[in-house]
Structures are given as C-alpha cells and as structure tokens.
Amino acid sequence: MPILGYAFEGLVPENYIETKNTFTVSETENVDVVLTQWSYIGGYQNPAWLTYQLIAKSGGQTTGEIRVDGLFTSKSTTITFYNVAPGTYVLRIFNKGAGLAYGNGYIYYH
C-alpha cells in the first residue's frame, strides 16, 4: 500500500493548501487519511476546524469534503474517502476556523 506524507503550517483562515505531490488510484477503492491538526489563537493551541477533499487532477472525480473538528496532536484520527474513482489526485485542506492551522499526515491508497 503506497503512502504519501504531507505537512502544513500557518494555514490562514478561509484559505486552503494542496499536497505538492499527486497520487494515483488505479481502481475504485477507499483512500484513508491519517492526520493530526491544531490551531493557534491568542498564542494558545486550540482545536482546528478543517475540511479535507480529494481533487482530481487527471481522470477520476473530485470528492466531497470531509469536515474534521478537533485538536489532534498526541493521537491522530483517520478519515476515509469511500469508492474513489480511478485517477490522479491531490489532497486539499481548507481552514474553516478562526486561527492559523497546522498539521500533518499520511494518505494510504492501493
């Protein structure tokens, strides 16, 4: 199972980032994202409010967003995009919260 890692820091509210590297799904399958996330407001670490979405770059189909609210630093959480169509994708992370967002994770695909 291939793995694509990513990290981001200082993601401004109402902005998004996309992974620099793409990944290719060769047949319809589930894609897991194991992630950590947090935000800073007033100099204190707080829960972040982010959405995650797979953006089709070639073939495939862009997925719906998955919203993740919370502070995940010492333990990660996993989200799953189900029945992802064959194609080449990037992961888009959008900051819906009030503070700068930080995080990292891994995308597992077959």
N, C-alpha and C. Protein backbone atom coordinates (compact mmCIF):
# COMPACT_ATOMS: atom_id res chain seq x y z
N MET A 1 0.85 -1.18 0.00
CA MET A 1 0.00 0.00 0.00
C MET A 1 0.89 1.24 0.00
N PRO A 2 0.89 2.03 -1.06
CA PRO A 2 1.69 3.25 -1.11
C PRO A 2 1.24 4.28 -0.08
N ILE A 3 2.16 5.12 0.30
CA ILE A 3 1.89 6.16 1.30
C ILE A 3 2.41 7.48 0.76
N LEU A 4 1.61 8.53 0.92
CA LEU A 4 2.03 9.88 0.58
C LEU A 4 1.92 10.73 1.84
N GLY A 5 3.03 11.28 2.31
CA GLY A 5 3.02 12.12 3.50
C GLY A 5 2.87 13.59 3.14
N TYR A 6 2.36 14.37 4.09
CA TYR A 6 2.22 15.81 3.89
C TYR A 6 2.33 16.51 5.24
N ALA A 7 2.61 17.82 5.20
CA ALA A 7 2.65 18.66 6.40
C ALA A 7 2.34 20.08 5.98
N PHE A 8 1.76 20.84 6.90
CA PHE A 8 1.48 22.24 6.62
C PHE A 8 1.55 23.03 7.92
N GLU A 9 1.83 24.33 7.79
CA GLU A 9 1.87 25.19 8.97
C GLU A 9 1.44 26.59 8.59
N GLY A 10 0.78 27.24 9.53
CA GLY A 10 0.36 28.62 9.33
C GLY A 10 -0.70 28.80 8.25
N LEU A 11 -1.58 27.80 8.08
CA LEU A 11 -2.64 27.91 7.08
C LEU A 11 -3.67 28.94 7.56
N VAL A 12 -3.78 30.02 6.80
CA VAL A 12 -4.62 31.16 7.15
C VAL A 12 -6.10 30.79 7.05
N PRO A 13 -6.95 31.31 7.95
CA PRO A 13 -8.39 31.05 7.86
C PRO A 13 -8.94 31.43 6.48
N GLU A 14 -9.89 30.64 6.02
CA GLU A 14 -10.56 30.82 4.73
C GLU A 14 -9.61 30.66 3.54
N ASN A 15 -8.54 29.88 3.72
CA ASN A 15 -7.61 29.54 2.66
C ASN A 15 -7.38 28.04 2.67
N TYR A 16 -6.80 27.53 1.59
CA TYR A 16 -6.51 26.10 1.51
C TYR A 16 -5.11 25.86 0.98
N ILE A 17 -4.65 24.63 1.20
CA ILE A 17 -3.40 24.16 0.61
C ILE A 17 -3.71 22.83 -0.07
N GLU A 18 -2.87 22.47 -1.01
CA GLU A 18 -2.97 21.16 -1.64
C GLU A 18 -1.61 20.48 -1.53
N THR A 19 -1.63 19.14 -1.43
CA THR A 19 -0.36 18.42 -1.39
C THR A 19 0.41 18.71 -2.67
N LYS A 20 1.72 18.85 -2.54
CA LYS A 20 2.57 19.12 -3.70
C LYS A 20 2.62 17.91 -4.62
N ASN A 21 2.64 16.73 -4.04
CA ASN A 21 2.71 15.50 -4.82
C ASN A 21 1.32 14.95 -5.07
N THR A 22 1.16 14.32 -6.21
CA THR A 22 -0.10 13.66 -6.54
C THR A 22 0.01 12.18 -6.19
N PHE A 23 -1.13 11.52 -6.19
CA PHE A 23 -1.15 10.06 -6.06
C PHE A 23 -2.21 9.53 -7.01
N THR A 24 -2.00 8.30 -7.48
CA THR A 24 -2.87 7.73 -8.49
C THR A 24 -3.59 6.50 -7.94
N VAL A 25 -4.89 6.50 -8.10
CA VAL A 25 -5.74 5.38 -7.74
C VAL A 25 -5.99 4.60 -9.03
N SER A 26 -5.65 3.32 -9.05
CA SER A 26 -5.74 2.55 -10.30
C SER A 26 -7.09 1.85 -10.48
N GLU A 27 -7.80 1.62 -9.40
CA GLU A 27 -9.14 1.03 -9.48
C GLU A 27 -9.97 1.61 -8.35
N THR A 28 -11.29 1.55 -8.46
CA THR A 28 -12.16 2.12 -7.43
C THR A 28 -11.81 1.51 -6.08
N GLU A 29 -11.53 2.37 -5.11
CA GLU A 29 -11.12 1.91 -3.79
C GLU A 29 -11.32 3.00 -2.75
N ASN A 30 -11.13 2.63 -1.50
CA ASN A 30 -11.18 3.59 -0.41
C ASN A 30 -9.79 4.19 -0.20
N VAL A 31 -9.75 5.47 0.16
CA VAL A 31 -8.49 6.17 0.44
C VAL A 31 -8.57 6.68 1.88
N ASP A 32 -7.60 6.28 2.71
CA ASP A 32 -7.55 6.69 4.11
C ASP A 32 -6.56 7.83 4.29
N VAL A 33 -6.91 8.78 5.15
CA VAL A 33 -6.01 9.86 5.53
C VAL A 33 -5.88 9.82 7.05
N VAL A 34 -4.68 9.53 7.52
CA VAL A 34 -4.38 9.56 8.96
C VAL A 34 -3.79 10.93 9.21
N LEU A 35 -4.37 11.70 10.16
CA LEU A 35 -3.98 13.11 10.29
C LEU A 35 -3.88 13.58 11.72
N THR A 36 -3.09 14.63 11.88
CA THR A 36 -3.09 15.44 13.09
C THR A 36 -3.41 16.87 12.66
N GLN A 37 -3.99 17.63 13.57
CA GLN A 37 -4.31 19.03 13.26
C GLN A 37 -4.51 19.81 14.55
N TRP A 38 -4.17 21.10 14.48
CA TRP A 38 -4.38 22.01 15.60
C TRP A 38 -4.35 23.43 15.06
N SER A 39 -4.68 24.36 15.93
CA SER A 39 -4.69 25.76 15.54
C SER A 39 -4.14 26.58 16.69
N TYR A 40 -3.69 27.79 16.38
CA TYR A 40 -3.23 28.72 17.41
C TYR A 40 -4.10 29.97 17.36
N ILE A 41 -4.66 30.30 18.51
CA ILE A 41 -5.44 31.53 18.66
C ILE A 41 -4.97 32.18 19.95
N GLY A 42 -4.53 33.43 19.88
CA GLY A 42 -4.06 34.13 21.07
C GLY A 42 -2.86 33.47 21.71
N GLY A 43 -2.03 32.79 20.91
CA GLY A 43 -0.84 32.15 21.45
C GLY A 43 -1.08 30.81 22.10
N TYR A 44 -2.32 30.31 22.06
CA TYR A 44 -2.65 29.03 22.68
C TYR A 44 -3.07 28.00 21.63
N GLN A 45 -2.67 26.76 21.86
CA GLN A 45 -3.06 25.68 20.96
C GLN A 45 -4.54 25.37 21.17
N ASN A 46 -5.29 25.29 20.07
CA ASN A 46 -6.73 25.08 20.11
C ASN A 46 -7.15 24.05 19.07
N PRO A 47 -8.40 23.57 19.18
CA PRO A 47 -8.92 22.70 18.13
C PRO A 47 -8.98 23.46 16.80
N ALA A 48 -8.76 22.74 15.72
CA ALA A 48 -8.86 23.32 14.37
C ALA A 48 -10.16 22.84 13.74
N TRP A 49 -10.66 23.62 12.78
CA TRP A 49 -11.84 23.26 12.01
C TRP A 49 -11.41 23.27 10.56
N LEU A 50 -11.16 22.06 10.01
CA LEU A 50 -10.65 21.93 8.66
C LEU A 50 -11.54 21.00 7.84
N THR A 51 -11.51 21.18 6.52
CA THR A 51 -12.14 20.21 5.63
C THR A 51 -11.06 19.60 4.75
N TYR A 52 -11.27 18.35 4.40
CA TYR A 52 -10.35 17.59 3.56
C TYR A 52 -11.11 17.12 2.33
N GLN A 53 -10.47 17.19 1.17
CA GLN A 53 -11.12 16.83 -0.09
C GLN A 53 -10.07 16.32 -1.06
N LEU A 54 -10.42 15.28 -1.83
CA LEU A 54 -9.54 14.81 -2.89
C LEU A 54 -9.93 15.53 -4.17
N ILE A 55 -8.94 16.19 -4.80
CA ILE A 55 -9.16 16.96 -6.02
C ILE A 55 -8.57 16.18 -7.19
N ALA A 56 -9.42 15.86 -8.15
CA ALA A 56 -8.98 15.11 -9.34
C ALA A 56 -8.14 16.03 -10.22
N LYS A 57 -6.95 15.57 -10.57
CA LYS A 57 -6.06 16.32 -11.45
C LYS A 57 -6.05 15.72 -12.85
N SER A 58 -6.34 14.42 -12.95
CA SER A 58 -6.38 13.74 -14.24
C SER A 58 -7.26 12.51 -14.07
N GLY A 59 -8.33 12.44 -14.88
CA GLY A 59 -9.28 11.34 -14.71
C GLY A 59 -9.95 11.46 -13.36
N GLY A 60 -10.54 10.40 -12.89
CA GLY A 60 -11.15 10.39 -11.56
C GLY A 60 -12.25 11.42 -11.40
N GLN A 61 -12.63 11.65 -10.16
CA GLN A 61 -13.70 12.59 -9.85
C GLN A 61 -13.42 13.21 -8.49
N THR A 62 -13.50 14.55 -8.41
CA THR A 62 -13.28 15.24 -7.14
C THR A 62 -14.32 14.76 -6.13
N THR A 63 -13.87 14.52 -4.90
CA THR A 63 -14.77 14.02 -3.85
C THR A 63 -15.44 15.17 -3.11
N GLY A 64 -16.41 14.83 -2.29
CA GLY A 64 -16.98 15.79 -1.37
C GLY A 64 -16.00 16.05 -0.23
N GLU A 65 -16.25 17.11 0.51
CA GLU A 65 -15.39 17.45 1.65
C GLU A 65 -15.75 16.61 2.87
N ILE A 66 -14.73 16.31 3.66
CA ILE A 66 -14.93 15.69 4.97
C ILE A 66 -14.47 16.71 6.00
N ARG A 67 -15.37 17.09 6.90
CA ARG A 67 -15.06 18.07 7.93
C ARG A 67 -14.49 17.37 9.16
N VAL A 68 -13.39 17.92 9.67
CA VAL A 68 -12.77 17.40 10.89
C VAL A 68 -12.58 18.57 11.85
N ASP A 69 -13.25 18.48 12.99
CA ASP A 69 -13.12 19.48 14.04
C ASP A 69 -12.39 18.84 15.21
N GLY A 70 -11.40 19.52 15.74
CA GLY A 70 -10.76 19.00 16.93
C GLY A 70 -9.28 19.28 17.00
N LEU A 71 -8.75 18.92 18.16
CA LEU A 71 -7.33 19.06 18.46
C LEU A 71 -6.75 17.65 18.47
N PHE A 72 -5.97 17.33 17.45
CA PHE A 72 -5.35 16.01 17.33
C PHE A 72 -3.85 16.22 17.23
N THR A 73 -3.16 16.07 18.37
CA THR A 73 -1.71 16.26 18.39
C THR A 73 -1.00 15.02 18.89
N SER A 74 -1.37 14.53 20.05
CA SER A 74 -0.69 13.35 20.59
C SER A 74 -1.29 12.06 20.04
N LYS A 75 -2.50 12.13 19.53
CA LYS A 75 -3.14 11.00 18.86
C LYS A 75 -3.70 11.49 17.54
N SER A 76 -3.56 10.66 16.53
CA SER A 76 -4.09 11.02 15.21
C SER A 76 -5.54 10.54 15.08
N THR A 77 -6.19 10.97 14.02
CA THR A 77 -7.51 10.46 13.67
C THR A 77 -7.46 10.07 12.20
N THR A 78 -8.38 9.23 11.78
CA THR A 78 -8.39 8.75 10.39
C THR A 78 -9.73 9.08 9.75
N ILE A 79 -9.67 9.60 8.52
CA ILE A 79 -10.87 9.79 7.72
C ILE A 79 -10.74 8.92 6.48
N THR A 80 -11.87 8.54 5.89
CA THR A 80 -11.87 7.67 4.73
C THR A 80 -12.74 8.26 3.63
N PHE A 81 -12.17 8.32 2.43
CA PHE A 81 -12.93 8.66 1.24
C PHE A 81 -13.30 7.32 0.60
N TYR A 82 -14.59 7.04 0.50
CA TYR A 82 -15.06 5.75 0.02
C TYR A 82 -15.26 5.75 -1.50
N ASN A 83 -14.97 4.62 -2.12
CA ASN A 83 -15.22 4.39 -3.54
C ASN A 83 -14.64 5.49 -4.43
N VAL A 84 -13.38 5.80 -4.22
CA VAL A 84 -12.70 6.82 -5.03
C VAL A 84 -12.44 6.23 -6.42
N ALA A 85 -12.85 6.97 -7.45
CA ALA A 85 -12.71 6.51 -8.83
C ALA A 85 -11.25 6.55 -9.27
N PRO A 86 -10.88 5.70 -10.22
CA PRO A 86 -9.51 5.73 -10.74
C PRO A 86 -9.15 7.11 -11.28
N GLY A 87 -7.94 7.55 -10.97
CA GLY A 87 -7.47 8.85 -11.42
C GLY A 87 -6.30 9.32 -10.58
N THR A 88 -5.82 10.52 -10.89
CA THR A 88 -4.71 11.13 -10.16
C THR A 88 -5.25 12.29 -9.33
N TYR A 89 -4.86 12.34 -8.06
CA TYR A 89 -5.44 13.27 -7.10
C TYR A 89 -4.38 14.01 -6.28
N VAL A 90 -4.81 15.13 -5.69
CA VAL A 90 -4.11 15.79 -4.60
C VAL A 90 -5.10 15.90 -3.45
N LEU A 91 -4.59 16.08 -2.25
CA LEU A 91 -5.43 16.32 -1.08
C LEU A 91 -5.49 17.82 -0.84
N ARG A 92 -6.70 18.37 -0.75
CA ARG A 92 -6.90 19.79 -0.44
C ARG A 92 -7.37 19.90 1.01
N ILE A 93 -6.71 20.80 1.76
CA ILE A 93 -7.06 21.05 3.15
C ILE A 93 -7.46 22.51 3.26
N PHE A 94 -8.68 22.76 3.74
CA PHE A 94 -9.24 24.12 3.82
C PHE A 94 -9.46 24.48 5.29
N ASN A 95 -8.96 25.65 5.68
CA ASN A 95 -9.10 26.12 7.07
C ASN A 95 -10.40 26.91 7.20
N LYS A 96 -11.37 26.32 7.89
CA LYS A 96 -12.67 26.98 8.12
C LYS A 96 -12.70 27.68 9.48
N GLY A 97 -11.62 27.58 10.25
CA GLY A 97 -11.59 28.11 11.61
C GLY A 97 -11.12 29.55 11.69
N ALA A 98 -10.86 29.98 12.94
CA ALA A 98 -10.50 31.38 13.21
C ALA A 98 -9.00 31.60 13.35
N GLY A 99 -8.24 30.54 13.66
CA GLY A 99 -6.81 30.71 13.88
C GLY A 99 -5.98 30.06 12.79
N LEU A 100 -4.68 30.31 12.83
CA LEU A 100 -3.76 29.66 11.90
C LEU A 100 -3.77 28.16 12.19
N ALA A 101 -3.82 27.35 11.13
CA ALA A 101 -3.90 25.90 11.30
C ALA A 101 -2.58 25.23 10.95
N TYR A 102 -2.32 24.13 11.64
CA TYR A 102 -1.10 23.34 11.47
C TYR A 102 -1.49 21.87 11.45
N GLY A 103 -0.68 21.06 10.79
CA GLY A 103 -0.97 19.63 10.80
C GLY A 103 -0.05 18.84 9.91
N ASN A 104 -0.27 17.54 9.90
CA ASN A 104 0.46 16.63 9.04
C ASN A 104 -0.28 15.32 8.98
N GLY A 105 0.16 14.47 8.08
CA GLY A 105 -0.50 13.18 7.97
C GLY A 105 0.03 12.35 6.84
N TYR A 106 -0.67 11.25 6.61
CA TYR A 106 -0.33 10.29 5.56
C TYR A 106 -1.59 9.89 4.83
N ILE A 107 -1.47 9.73 3.52
CA ILE A 107 -2.56 9.25 2.68
C ILE A 107 -2.19 7.82 2.30
N TYR A 108 -3.08 6.86 2.62
CA TYR A 108 -2.87 5.47 2.29
C TYR A 108 -3.80 5.10 1.15
N TYR A 109 -3.23 4.54 0.09
CA TYR A 109 -4.02 4.12 -1.06
C TYR A 109 -3.39 2.87 -1.65
N HIS A 110 -4.11 2.19 -2.47
CA HIS A 110 -3.64 0.91 -3.02
C HIS A 110 -3.03 1.09 -4.39
